N, C-alpha and C. Protein backbone atom coordinates (compact mmCIF):
# COMPACT_ATOMS: atom_id res chain seq x y z
N MET A 1 36.90 -41.39 110.53
CA MET A 1 37.90 -41.03 109.54
C MET A 1 37.65 -41.84 108.27
N LEU A 2 37.79 -41.18 107.10
CA LEU A 2 37.58 -41.84 105.81
C LEU A 2 38.67 -42.89 105.57
N LYS A 3 38.26 -44.08 105.14
CA LYS A 3 39.21 -45.16 104.83
C LYS A 3 39.17 -45.41 103.32
N ILE A 4 40.33 -45.56 102.69
CA ILE A 4 40.41 -45.89 101.28
C ILE A 4 41.20 -47.19 101.18
N SER A 5 40.48 -48.29 100.89
CA SER A 5 41.11 -49.62 100.80
C SER A 5 41.98 -49.91 102.02
N GLY A 6 41.47 -49.62 103.19
CA GLY A 6 42.19 -49.94 104.41
C GLY A 6 43.20 -48.88 104.83
N LEU A 7 43.37 -47.80 104.06
CA LEU A 7 44.31 -46.74 104.42
C LEU A 7 43.54 -45.52 104.88
N SER A 8 44.11 -44.80 105.84
CA SER A 8 43.50 -43.53 106.23
C SER A 8 43.78 -42.51 105.14
N ARG A 9 43.03 -41.42 105.15
CA ARG A 9 43.24 -40.36 104.16
C ARG A 9 44.67 -39.83 104.23
N ALA A 10 45.21 -39.64 105.43
CA ALA A 10 46.56 -39.12 105.59
C ALA A 10 47.59 -40.09 105.02
N ALA A 11 47.41 -41.40 105.30
CA ALA A 11 48.36 -42.39 104.79
C ALA A 11 48.29 -42.47 103.27
N PHE A 12 47.06 -42.38 102.73
CA PHE A 12 46.88 -42.42 101.28
C PHE A 12 47.55 -41.22 100.62
N ALA A 13 47.37 -40.03 101.19
CA ALA A 13 47.98 -38.82 100.65
C ALA A 13 49.50 -38.92 100.69
N GLY A 14 50.02 -39.46 101.80
CA GLY A 14 51.47 -39.62 101.92
C GLY A 14 52.01 -40.57 100.86
N ALA A 15 51.29 -41.66 100.61
CA ALA A 15 51.72 -42.62 99.60
C ALA A 15 51.71 -41.98 98.22
N CYS A 16 50.70 -41.15 97.93
CA CYS A 16 50.61 -40.47 96.63
C CYS A 16 51.79 -39.53 96.43
N VAL A 17 52.16 -38.79 97.48
CA VAL A 17 53.29 -37.87 97.38
C VAL A 17 54.58 -38.64 97.11
N ALA A 18 54.77 -39.78 97.79
CA ALA A 18 55.97 -40.59 97.59
C ALA A 18 56.05 -41.12 96.17
N VAL A 19 54.93 -41.60 95.63
CA VAL A 19 54.92 -42.11 94.26
C VAL A 19 55.19 -40.98 93.27
N ALA A 20 54.58 -39.82 93.47
CA ALA A 20 54.80 -38.69 92.56
C ALA A 20 56.25 -38.25 92.58
N ALA A 21 56.88 -38.23 93.75
CA ALA A 21 58.29 -37.84 93.83
C ALA A 21 59.17 -38.84 93.11
N ALA A 22 58.88 -40.12 93.28
CA ALA A 22 59.68 -41.15 92.60
C ALA A 22 59.52 -41.06 91.10
N CYS A 23 58.30 -40.85 90.62
CA CYS A 23 58.05 -40.76 89.18
C CYS A 23 58.60 -39.47 88.59
N GLY A 24 58.73 -38.42 89.40
CA GLY A 24 59.25 -37.15 88.90
C GLY A 24 60.66 -37.25 88.41
N ALA A 25 61.41 -38.25 88.87
CA ALA A 25 62.79 -38.41 88.44
C ALA A 25 62.90 -39.24 87.18
N CYS A 26 61.79 -39.78 86.68
CA CYS A 26 61.83 -40.63 85.49
C CYS A 26 61.28 -39.87 84.30
N GLY A 27 61.67 -40.29 83.12
CA GLY A 27 61.14 -39.67 81.93
C GLY A 27 61.31 -40.57 80.74
N ALA A 28 60.48 -40.34 79.74
CA ALA A 28 60.61 -41.09 78.50
C ALA A 28 61.63 -40.40 77.64
N VAL A 29 62.55 -41.16 77.08
CA VAL A 29 63.64 -40.61 76.29
C VAL A 29 63.52 -41.13 74.87
N SER A 30 63.64 -40.24 73.89
CA SER A 30 63.69 -40.65 72.49
C SER A 30 65.14 -40.87 72.13
N ASP A 31 65.43 -41.99 71.47
CA ASP A 31 66.82 -42.27 71.10
C ASP A 31 67.22 -41.64 69.78
N GLY A 32 66.34 -40.83 69.20
CA GLY A 32 66.64 -40.17 67.94
C GLY A 32 66.29 -41.00 66.73
N ALA A 33 65.87 -42.26 66.95
CA ALA A 33 65.50 -43.13 65.83
C ALA A 33 64.03 -43.49 65.93
N GLY A 34 63.27 -42.69 66.65
CA GLY A 34 61.83 -42.93 66.77
C GLY A 34 61.47 -43.89 67.89
N ASN A 35 62.46 -44.38 68.64
CA ASN A 35 62.18 -45.29 69.75
C ASN A 35 62.10 -44.50 71.05
N THR A 36 61.24 -44.94 71.96
CA THR A 36 61.11 -44.30 73.25
C THR A 36 61.73 -45.18 74.30
N LEU A 37 62.60 -44.58 75.11
CA LEU A 37 63.27 -45.29 76.18
C LEU A 37 62.84 -44.69 77.50
N MET A 38 62.88 -45.45 78.56
CA MET A 38 62.61 -44.91 79.88
C MET A 38 63.95 -44.74 80.58
N GLY A 39 64.13 -43.63 81.25
CA GLY A 39 65.40 -43.41 81.95
C GLY A 39 65.24 -42.48 83.11
N SER A 40 66.17 -42.52 84.01
CA SER A 40 66.17 -41.65 85.16
C SER A 40 66.86 -40.35 84.78
N ILE A 41 66.21 -39.23 85.06
CA ILE A 41 66.80 -37.93 84.76
C ILE A 41 67.73 -37.54 85.89
N SER A 42 67.23 -37.58 87.10
CA SER A 42 68.05 -37.34 88.28
C SER A 42 67.27 -37.79 89.49
N SER A 43 67.97 -38.04 90.53
CA SER A 43 67.34 -38.50 91.75
C SER A 43 68.16 -38.01 92.91
N PRO A 44 67.52 -37.70 94.05
CA PRO A 44 68.28 -37.22 95.19
C PRO A 44 69.29 -38.25 95.68
N THR A 45 69.06 -39.54 95.41
CA THR A 45 69.93 -40.57 95.95
C THR A 45 70.92 -41.12 94.92
N THR A 46 70.78 -40.76 93.64
CA THR A 46 71.69 -41.26 92.63
C THR A 46 72.30 -40.10 91.87
N GLN A 47 73.48 -40.33 91.32
CA GLN A 47 74.18 -39.32 90.53
C GLN A 47 73.58 -39.27 89.13
N ALA A 48 73.38 -38.06 88.60
CA ALA A 48 72.85 -37.91 87.24
C ALA A 48 73.85 -38.47 86.25
N GLN A 49 73.33 -39.10 85.21
CA GLN A 49 74.16 -39.67 84.15
C GLN A 49 73.84 -38.96 82.84
N PRO A 50 74.85 -38.80 81.97
CA PRO A 50 74.55 -38.20 80.66
C PRO A 50 73.63 -39.11 79.87
N LEU A 51 72.78 -38.50 79.05
CA LEU A 51 71.84 -39.24 78.21
C LEU A 51 72.46 -39.45 76.83
N GLY A 52 72.28 -40.62 76.28
CA GLY A 52 72.76 -40.89 74.93
C GLY A 52 74.27 -41.07 74.89
N THR A 53 74.77 -41.23 73.67
CA THR A 53 76.20 -41.40 73.43
C THR A 53 76.77 -40.11 72.89
N ALA A 54 77.76 -39.57 73.58
CA ALA A 54 78.34 -38.28 73.19
C ALA A 54 79.44 -38.46 72.15
N ASP A 55 79.41 -37.59 71.15
CA ASP A 55 80.50 -37.49 70.17
C ASP A 55 80.43 -36.07 69.59
N PRO A 56 81.47 -35.61 68.89
CA PRO A 56 81.47 -34.22 68.40
C PRO A 56 80.77 -34.01 67.07
N ALA A 57 80.21 -35.06 66.47
CA ALA A 57 79.60 -34.95 65.13
C ALA A 57 78.28 -34.18 65.17
N PRO A 58 77.91 -33.53 64.04
CA PRO A 58 76.61 -32.86 63.97
C PRO A 58 75.48 -33.87 64.18
N LYS A 59 74.38 -33.39 64.78
CA LYS A 59 73.24 -34.27 65.04
C LYS A 59 71.97 -33.60 64.52
N THR A 60 71.13 -34.41 63.87
CA THR A 60 69.91 -33.86 63.32
C THR A 60 68.77 -34.88 63.38
N GLN A 61 67.59 -34.36 63.53
CA GLN A 61 66.37 -35.17 63.45
C GLN A 61 65.23 -34.26 63.02
N ARG A 62 64.37 -34.77 62.15
CA ARG A 62 63.23 -34.00 61.67
C ARG A 62 62.13 -33.98 62.73
N PRO A 63 61.35 -32.89 62.83
CA PRO A 63 60.23 -32.85 63.77
C PRO A 63 59.05 -33.66 63.24
N SER A 64 58.14 -34.01 64.16
CA SER A 64 56.91 -34.65 63.72
C SER A 64 56.05 -33.62 62.99
N VAL A 65 55.18 -34.11 62.12
CA VAL A 65 54.30 -33.20 61.36
C VAL A 65 52.87 -33.51 61.75
N PRO A 66 52.03 -32.55 62.12
CA PRO A 66 52.43 -31.17 62.40
C PRO A 66 53.00 -31.06 63.81
N SER A 67 53.83 -30.08 64.01
CA SER A 67 54.41 -29.82 65.32
C SER A 67 54.31 -28.34 65.59
N ARG A 68 53.71 -27.97 66.72
CA ARG A 68 53.57 -26.57 67.13
C ARG A 68 54.05 -26.45 68.56
N LEU A 69 55.35 -26.27 68.69
CA LEU A 69 55.99 -26.16 70.00
C LEU A 69 56.61 -24.78 70.15
N ALA A 70 56.68 -24.32 71.38
CA ALA A 70 57.35 -23.05 71.67
C ALA A 70 58.42 -23.29 72.72
N VAL A 71 59.58 -22.66 72.53
CA VAL A 71 60.62 -22.68 73.55
C VAL A 71 60.19 -21.71 74.65
N VAL A 72 60.06 -22.22 75.88
CA VAL A 72 59.60 -21.38 76.98
C VAL A 72 60.67 -21.16 78.05
N GLY A 73 61.81 -21.79 77.89
CA GLY A 73 62.90 -21.59 78.84
C GLY A 73 64.10 -22.44 78.47
N VAL A 74 65.27 -22.00 78.92
CA VAL A 74 66.51 -22.75 78.75
C VAL A 74 67.18 -22.80 80.11
N ARG A 75 67.56 -24.02 80.53
CA ARG A 75 68.21 -24.21 81.82
C ARG A 75 69.56 -24.88 81.62
N VAL A 76 70.55 -24.44 82.39
CA VAL A 76 71.90 -25.00 82.30
C VAL A 76 72.34 -25.42 83.69
N GLY A 77 72.87 -26.64 83.79
CA GLY A 77 73.36 -27.13 85.07
C GLY A 77 74.60 -27.97 84.88
N ALA A 78 75.38 -28.10 85.95
CA ALA A 78 76.60 -28.90 85.92
C ALA A 78 76.39 -30.17 86.72
N HIS A 79 76.89 -31.27 86.19
CA HIS A 79 76.88 -32.56 86.87
C HIS A 79 78.30 -33.10 86.82
N GLU A 80 78.59 -34.11 87.60
CA GLU A 80 79.93 -34.67 87.59
C GLU A 80 80.20 -35.30 86.22
N GLY A 81 81.15 -34.71 85.49
CA GLY A 81 81.55 -35.25 84.19
C GLY A 81 80.86 -34.64 82.99
N PHE A 82 79.78 -33.86 83.18
CA PHE A 82 79.11 -33.26 82.03
C PHE A 82 78.27 -32.06 82.44
N ASP A 83 78.03 -31.19 81.47
CA ASP A 83 77.10 -30.06 81.63
C ASP A 83 75.84 -30.40 80.86
N ARG A 84 74.69 -29.94 81.36
CA ARG A 84 73.42 -30.22 80.71
C ARG A 84 72.73 -28.91 80.35
N VAL A 85 72.31 -28.81 79.07
CA VAL A 85 71.50 -27.69 78.60
C VAL A 85 70.12 -28.26 78.29
N VAL A 86 69.09 -27.72 78.94
CA VAL A 86 67.72 -28.20 78.76
C VAL A 86 66.90 -27.10 78.10
N VAL A 87 66.29 -27.42 76.96
CA VAL A 87 65.43 -26.49 76.25
C VAL A 87 63.99 -26.92 76.53
N ASP A 88 63.29 -26.15 77.38
CA ASP A 88 61.92 -26.48 77.77
C ASP A 88 60.94 -26.06 76.68
N LEU A 89 60.00 -26.98 76.37
CA LEU A 89 59.04 -26.76 75.28
C LEU A 89 57.62 -26.90 75.79
N GLU A 90 56.71 -26.17 75.17
CA GLU A 90 55.27 -26.34 75.39
C GLU A 90 54.60 -26.36 74.03
N GLY A 91 53.47 -27.07 73.96
CA GLY A 91 52.73 -27.15 72.71
C GLY A 91 52.52 -28.59 72.31
N ASP A 92 52.26 -28.79 71.02
CA ASP A 92 51.93 -30.11 70.49
C ASP A 92 52.96 -30.59 69.49
N GLY A 93 53.14 -31.91 69.46
CA GLY A 93 54.05 -32.52 68.50
C GLY A 93 55.38 -32.88 69.13
N ASN A 94 56.28 -33.35 68.29
CA ASN A 94 57.62 -33.73 68.73
C ASN A 94 58.63 -32.89 67.99
N PRO A 95 59.63 -32.34 68.71
CA PRO A 95 60.59 -31.46 68.08
C PRO A 95 61.60 -32.22 67.24
N GLY A 96 62.18 -31.52 66.30
CA GLY A 96 63.36 -31.99 65.60
C GLY A 96 64.50 -31.10 66.05
N TRP A 97 65.69 -31.36 65.53
CA TRP A 97 66.81 -30.52 65.89
C TRP A 97 67.91 -30.63 64.86
N PHE A 98 68.73 -29.59 64.83
CA PHE A 98 70.00 -29.61 64.13
C PHE A 98 70.99 -28.96 65.08
N VAL A 99 71.98 -29.72 65.52
CA VAL A 99 72.95 -29.25 66.50
C VAL A 99 74.34 -29.48 65.93
N ASP A 100 75.18 -28.42 65.97
CA ASP A 100 76.53 -28.54 65.44
C ASP A 100 77.39 -27.42 66.01
N TYR A 101 78.70 -27.64 65.99
CA TYR A 101 79.62 -26.59 66.38
C TYR A 101 79.77 -25.58 65.26
N THR A 102 80.00 -24.32 65.65
CA THR A 102 80.23 -23.27 64.67
C THR A 102 81.37 -22.38 65.18
N SER A 103 82.16 -21.86 64.28
CA SER A 103 83.26 -20.97 64.68
C SER A 103 82.76 -19.54 64.87
N THR A 104 81.68 -19.18 64.17
CA THR A 104 81.12 -17.83 64.25
C THR A 104 79.61 -17.93 64.45
N PRO A 105 79.13 -17.74 65.69
CA PRO A 105 77.68 -17.82 65.90
C PRO A 105 76.95 -16.66 65.24
N MET A 106 75.94 -17.01 64.45
CA MET A 106 75.14 -16.01 63.75
C MET A 106 73.69 -16.15 64.17
N GLN A 107 73.02 -15.02 64.37
CA GLN A 107 71.59 -15.05 64.68
C GLN A 107 70.83 -15.27 63.39
N GLU A 108 70.21 -16.44 63.26
CA GLU A 108 69.55 -16.81 62.02
C GLU A 108 68.39 -15.90 61.66
N THR A 109 67.73 -15.32 62.66
CA THR A 109 66.56 -14.47 62.38
C THR A 109 66.94 -13.21 61.61
N VAL A 110 68.17 -12.70 61.81
CA VAL A 110 68.57 -11.46 61.15
C VAL A 110 69.89 -11.58 60.38
N GLY A 111 70.55 -12.73 60.47
CA GLY A 111 71.80 -12.93 59.74
C GLY A 111 72.95 -12.10 60.26
N GLN A 112 72.95 -11.77 61.55
CA GLN A 112 74.01 -10.96 62.16
C GLN A 112 74.79 -11.78 63.17
N PRO A 113 76.08 -11.45 63.38
CA PRO A 113 76.87 -12.17 64.39
C PRO A 113 76.27 -11.97 65.79
N LEU A 114 76.38 -13.02 66.60
CA LEU A 114 75.91 -12.98 67.99
C LEU A 114 77.07 -12.74 68.93
N GLN A 115 76.83 -11.99 69.97
CA GLN A 115 77.84 -11.76 71.00
C GLN A 115 77.67 -12.83 72.07
N VAL A 116 78.48 -13.88 71.97
CA VAL A 116 78.43 -14.99 72.92
C VAL A 116 79.84 -15.21 73.45
N ALA A 117 79.99 -15.26 74.77
CA ALA A 117 81.30 -15.52 75.37
C ALA A 117 81.68 -16.97 75.16
N GLY A 118 82.96 -17.22 74.90
CA GLY A 118 83.43 -18.59 74.75
C GLY A 118 84.51 -18.73 73.71
N ASN A 119 85.15 -19.89 73.70
CA ASN A 119 86.19 -20.22 72.72
C ASN A 119 85.64 -21.09 71.60
N SER A 120 84.52 -21.77 71.88
CA SER A 120 83.87 -22.65 70.92
C SER A 120 82.37 -22.48 71.11
N PHE A 121 81.59 -22.75 70.06
CA PHE A 121 80.16 -22.44 70.13
C PHE A 121 79.33 -23.61 69.59
N LEU A 122 78.38 -24.05 70.41
CA LEU A 122 77.46 -25.11 70.01
C LEU A 122 76.15 -24.46 69.63
N ASN A 123 75.77 -24.62 68.36
CA ASN A 123 74.56 -24.01 67.81
C ASN A 123 73.44 -25.05 67.91
N ILE A 124 72.45 -24.80 68.77
CA ILE A 124 71.33 -25.72 68.97
C ILE A 124 70.11 -25.12 68.27
N ASN A 125 69.61 -25.82 67.26
CA ASN A 125 68.41 -25.38 66.55
C ASN A 125 67.31 -26.40 66.82
N VAL A 126 66.20 -25.94 67.38
CA VAL A 126 65.06 -26.82 67.66
C VAL A 126 64.01 -26.55 66.59
N ASP A 127 63.67 -27.60 65.83
CA ASP A 127 62.73 -27.48 64.72
C ASP A 127 61.32 -27.89 65.13
N GLY A 128 60.33 -27.39 64.37
CA GLY A 128 58.93 -27.66 64.68
C GLY A 128 58.38 -26.68 65.70
N THR A 129 58.99 -25.48 65.74
CA THR A 129 58.59 -24.49 66.73
C THR A 129 57.84 -23.32 66.09
N VAL A 130 57.09 -22.64 66.92
CA VAL A 130 56.38 -21.42 66.54
C VAL A 130 56.84 -20.30 67.46
N TYR A 131 56.49 -19.08 67.12
CA TYR A 131 56.79 -17.97 68.01
C TYR A 131 56.06 -18.19 69.33
N PRO A 132 56.71 -17.98 70.47
CA PRO A 132 56.04 -18.22 71.75
C PRO A 132 54.70 -17.51 71.90
N PHE A 133 54.57 -16.28 71.36
CA PHE A 133 53.31 -15.55 71.51
C PHE A 133 52.14 -16.28 70.85
N GLU A 134 52.42 -17.15 69.85
CA GLU A 134 51.36 -17.90 69.19
C GLU A 134 50.70 -18.90 70.14
N LEU A 135 51.41 -19.26 71.21
CA LEU A 135 50.85 -20.17 72.21
C LEU A 135 50.58 -19.43 73.53
N GLY A 136 50.55 -18.10 73.46
CA GLY A 136 50.25 -17.30 74.64
C GLY A 136 51.41 -17.19 75.61
N LYS A 137 52.64 -17.40 75.13
CA LYS A 137 53.83 -17.35 75.98
C LYS A 137 54.64 -16.10 75.68
N ASP A 138 55.52 -15.74 76.63
CA ASP A 138 56.38 -14.58 76.49
C ASP A 138 57.45 -14.84 75.44
N ASN A 139 57.67 -13.90 74.54
CA ASN A 139 58.71 -14.06 73.51
C ASN A 139 60.12 -13.97 74.08
N ASN A 140 60.28 -13.36 75.26
CA ASN A 140 61.58 -13.28 75.92
C ASN A 140 61.80 -14.57 76.69
N VAL A 141 62.58 -15.48 76.12
CA VAL A 141 62.81 -16.80 76.71
C VAL A 141 63.89 -16.68 77.78
N PRO A 142 63.56 -17.04 79.03
CA PRO A 142 64.56 -16.94 80.10
C PRO A 142 65.62 -18.03 79.99
N VAL A 143 66.87 -17.66 80.28
CA VAL A 143 67.98 -18.61 80.34
C VAL A 143 68.47 -18.62 81.78
N THR A 144 68.48 -19.79 82.41
CA THR A 144 68.87 -19.93 83.81
C THR A 144 70.12 -20.78 83.91
N MET A 145 71.17 -20.23 84.50
CA MET A 145 72.41 -20.98 84.73
C MET A 145 72.46 -21.30 86.22
N ALA A 146 72.53 -22.58 86.55
CA ALA A 146 72.55 -23.02 87.94
C ALA A 146 73.98 -23.27 88.39
N GLY A 147 74.63 -22.24 88.90
CA GLY A 147 75.98 -22.39 89.44
C GLY A 147 77.04 -22.51 88.36
N ASP A 148 78.25 -22.85 88.81
CA ASP A 148 79.39 -22.98 87.90
C ASP A 148 79.28 -24.26 87.09
N THR A 149 79.70 -24.18 85.84
CA THR A 149 79.69 -25.35 84.98
C THR A 149 81.13 -25.70 84.61
N GLY A 150 81.32 -26.92 84.12
CA GLY A 150 82.65 -27.35 83.76
C GLY A 150 83.13 -26.77 82.45
N ASN A 151 82.23 -26.63 81.47
CA ASN A 151 82.63 -26.21 80.13
C ASN A 151 81.79 -25.06 79.59
N VAL A 152 80.55 -24.91 80.05
CA VAL A 152 79.66 -23.87 79.53
C VAL A 152 80.00 -22.52 80.16
N ILE A 153 80.20 -21.52 79.30
CA ILE A 153 80.49 -20.16 79.77
C ILE A 153 79.27 -19.25 79.62
N ASP A 154 78.56 -19.40 78.50
CA ASP A 154 77.47 -18.47 78.18
C ASP A 154 76.42 -19.21 77.36
N VAL A 155 75.15 -18.84 77.53
CA VAL A 155 74.06 -19.40 76.74
C VAL A 155 73.09 -18.28 76.41
N ILE A 156 72.70 -18.19 75.14
CA ILE A 156 71.70 -17.20 74.77
C ILE A 156 70.61 -17.85 73.92
N SER A 157 69.41 -17.35 74.08
CA SER A 157 68.30 -17.73 73.21
C SER A 157 68.24 -16.68 72.11
N ALA A 158 68.42 -17.12 70.87
CA ALA A 158 68.55 -16.18 69.75
C ALA A 158 67.26 -16.02 68.95
N GLY A 159 66.14 -16.55 69.45
CA GLY A 159 64.86 -16.32 68.80
C GLY A 159 64.39 -17.45 67.91
N THR A 160 63.21 -17.22 67.32
CA THR A 160 62.56 -18.20 66.46
C THR A 160 62.32 -17.59 65.10
N TYR A 161 62.53 -18.41 64.06
CA TYR A 161 62.34 -17.92 62.70
C TYR A 161 62.01 -19.10 61.80
N GLU A 162 60.88 -19.02 61.11
CA GLU A 162 60.46 -20.02 60.12
C GLU A 162 60.52 -21.45 60.67
N GLY A 163 59.92 -21.65 61.85
CA GLY A 163 59.80 -22.99 62.40
C GLY A 163 61.01 -23.51 63.13
N ARG A 164 62.00 -22.65 63.36
CA ARG A 164 63.23 -23.07 64.04
C ARG A 164 63.59 -22.06 65.13
N SER A 165 63.87 -22.60 66.34
CA SER A 165 64.32 -21.76 67.46
C SER A 165 65.79 -22.05 67.70
N GLN A 166 66.55 -20.97 67.95
CA GLN A 166 68.00 -21.09 68.06
C GLN A 166 68.48 -20.76 69.46
N ILE A 167 69.35 -21.62 69.98
CA ILE A 167 70.04 -21.40 71.25
C ILE A 167 71.52 -21.60 70.96
N VAL A 168 72.36 -20.68 71.42
CA VAL A 168 73.80 -20.81 71.21
C VAL A 168 74.48 -20.94 72.56
N VAL A 169 75.36 -21.94 72.66
CA VAL A 169 76.08 -22.23 73.90
C VAL A 169 77.55 -21.89 73.69
N GLY A 170 78.07 -20.95 74.49
CA GLY A 170 79.49 -20.62 74.46
C GLY A 170 80.24 -21.54 75.42
N LEU A 171 81.30 -22.17 74.91
CA LEU A 171 82.03 -23.18 75.68
C LEU A 171 83.52 -22.81 75.82
N ARG A 172 84.15 -23.38 76.83
CA ARG A 172 85.60 -23.24 76.98
C ARG A 172 86.32 -24.00 75.87
N SER A 173 85.80 -25.18 75.53
CA SER A 173 86.41 -25.98 74.47
C SER A 173 85.37 -26.87 73.81
N GLU A 174 85.65 -27.27 72.58
CA GLU A 174 84.75 -28.12 71.79
C GLU A 174 84.91 -29.56 72.25
N LEU A 175 83.86 -30.12 72.84
CA LEU A 175 83.90 -31.47 73.38
C LEU A 175 82.69 -32.26 72.91
N PRO A 176 82.72 -33.60 73.03
CA PRO A 176 81.59 -34.42 72.59
C PRO A 176 80.30 -34.07 73.33
N TYR A 177 79.16 -34.30 72.65
CA TYR A 177 77.86 -34.01 73.23
C TYR A 177 76.83 -34.99 72.69
N SER A 178 75.70 -35.07 73.38
CA SER A 178 74.57 -35.90 72.93
C SER A 178 73.31 -35.07 72.96
N VAL A 179 72.29 -35.50 72.19
CA VAL A 179 71.00 -34.81 72.13
C VAL A 179 69.91 -35.85 72.33
N GLN A 180 68.97 -35.57 73.24
CA GLN A 180 67.85 -36.46 73.51
C GLN A 180 66.59 -35.62 73.75
N VAL A 181 65.43 -36.23 73.59
CA VAL A 181 64.16 -35.59 73.93
C VAL A 181 63.57 -36.33 75.11
N LEU A 182 63.13 -35.59 76.11
CA LEU A 182 62.45 -36.16 77.27
C LEU A 182 61.01 -35.67 77.29
N GLU A 183 60.13 -36.48 77.86
CA GLU A 183 58.71 -36.18 77.92
C GLU A 183 58.28 -35.83 79.34
N ASN A 184 57.11 -35.20 79.42
CA ASN A 184 56.42 -34.93 80.70
C ASN A 184 57.28 -34.20 81.72
N PRO A 185 57.65 -32.95 81.52
CA PRO A 185 57.31 -32.10 80.37
C PRO A 185 58.29 -32.33 79.22
N LYS A 186 57.86 -31.91 78.03
CA LYS A 186 58.68 -32.10 76.83
C LYS A 186 59.85 -31.14 76.84
N ARG A 187 61.06 -31.69 76.55
CA ARG A 187 62.25 -30.86 76.49
C ARG A 187 63.33 -31.55 75.68
N VAL A 188 64.17 -30.73 75.06
CA VAL A 188 65.35 -31.21 74.36
C VAL A 188 66.53 -31.06 75.34
N VAL A 189 67.27 -32.16 75.52
CA VAL A 189 68.38 -32.17 76.48
C VAL A 189 69.69 -32.40 75.72
N VAL A 190 70.63 -31.47 75.91
CA VAL A 190 71.96 -31.58 75.31
C VAL A 190 72.94 -31.74 76.46
N ASP A 191 73.62 -32.89 76.50
CA ASP A 191 74.64 -33.15 77.51
C ASP A 191 76.01 -33.00 76.87
N ILE A 192 76.84 -32.13 77.46
CA ILE A 192 78.17 -31.82 76.91
C ILE A 192 79.21 -32.33 77.89
N VAL A 193 80.07 -33.19 77.40
CA VAL A 193 81.11 -33.79 78.23
C VAL A 193 82.06 -32.70 78.74
N GLN A 194 82.50 -32.84 80.00
CA GLN A 194 83.52 -31.95 80.53
C GLN A 194 84.89 -32.58 80.31
N LYS A 195 85.95 -31.76 80.35
CA LYS A 195 87.31 -32.29 80.18
C LYS A 195 87.66 -33.21 81.31
């Protein structure tokens, strides 16, 4: 049997799987000021925690130059005390964002009102993006809702236009939120406090 530094192949493979699983729960987090933080995203043995400091104020950050990212999916999940909206990205560079509440969600690509269920609407704009087809991806961005959420009612991907991709979140009520970027894979994470 092959030995690797005193370990059998089976033991070595098992150790690799354990390390990969442990590392899969970690990610690099940008604090929005150009600093990178390490944090746990979720773990089977620990409760997920919201990222960043939540407040209701508009949040913005410029993308890195050049940045060629495509939105390839949007995922929504509920955790104890907060809902999480994850905008999955592929490509090169670091995204920017402009996130704010709006009373009337409008599709920026055509300037028309959007049909989104909810009493309040969080407009998430991810900057530094290209049309998904430019990176060989499907232009129809899937939105996945994982079970019941505390505050999120509806989420739609409203398309990409002039370097900005728009996602609108329909909510039961306007509550504080935070915005962070995680790496490996790259994604913008919006955590919305529940009542």
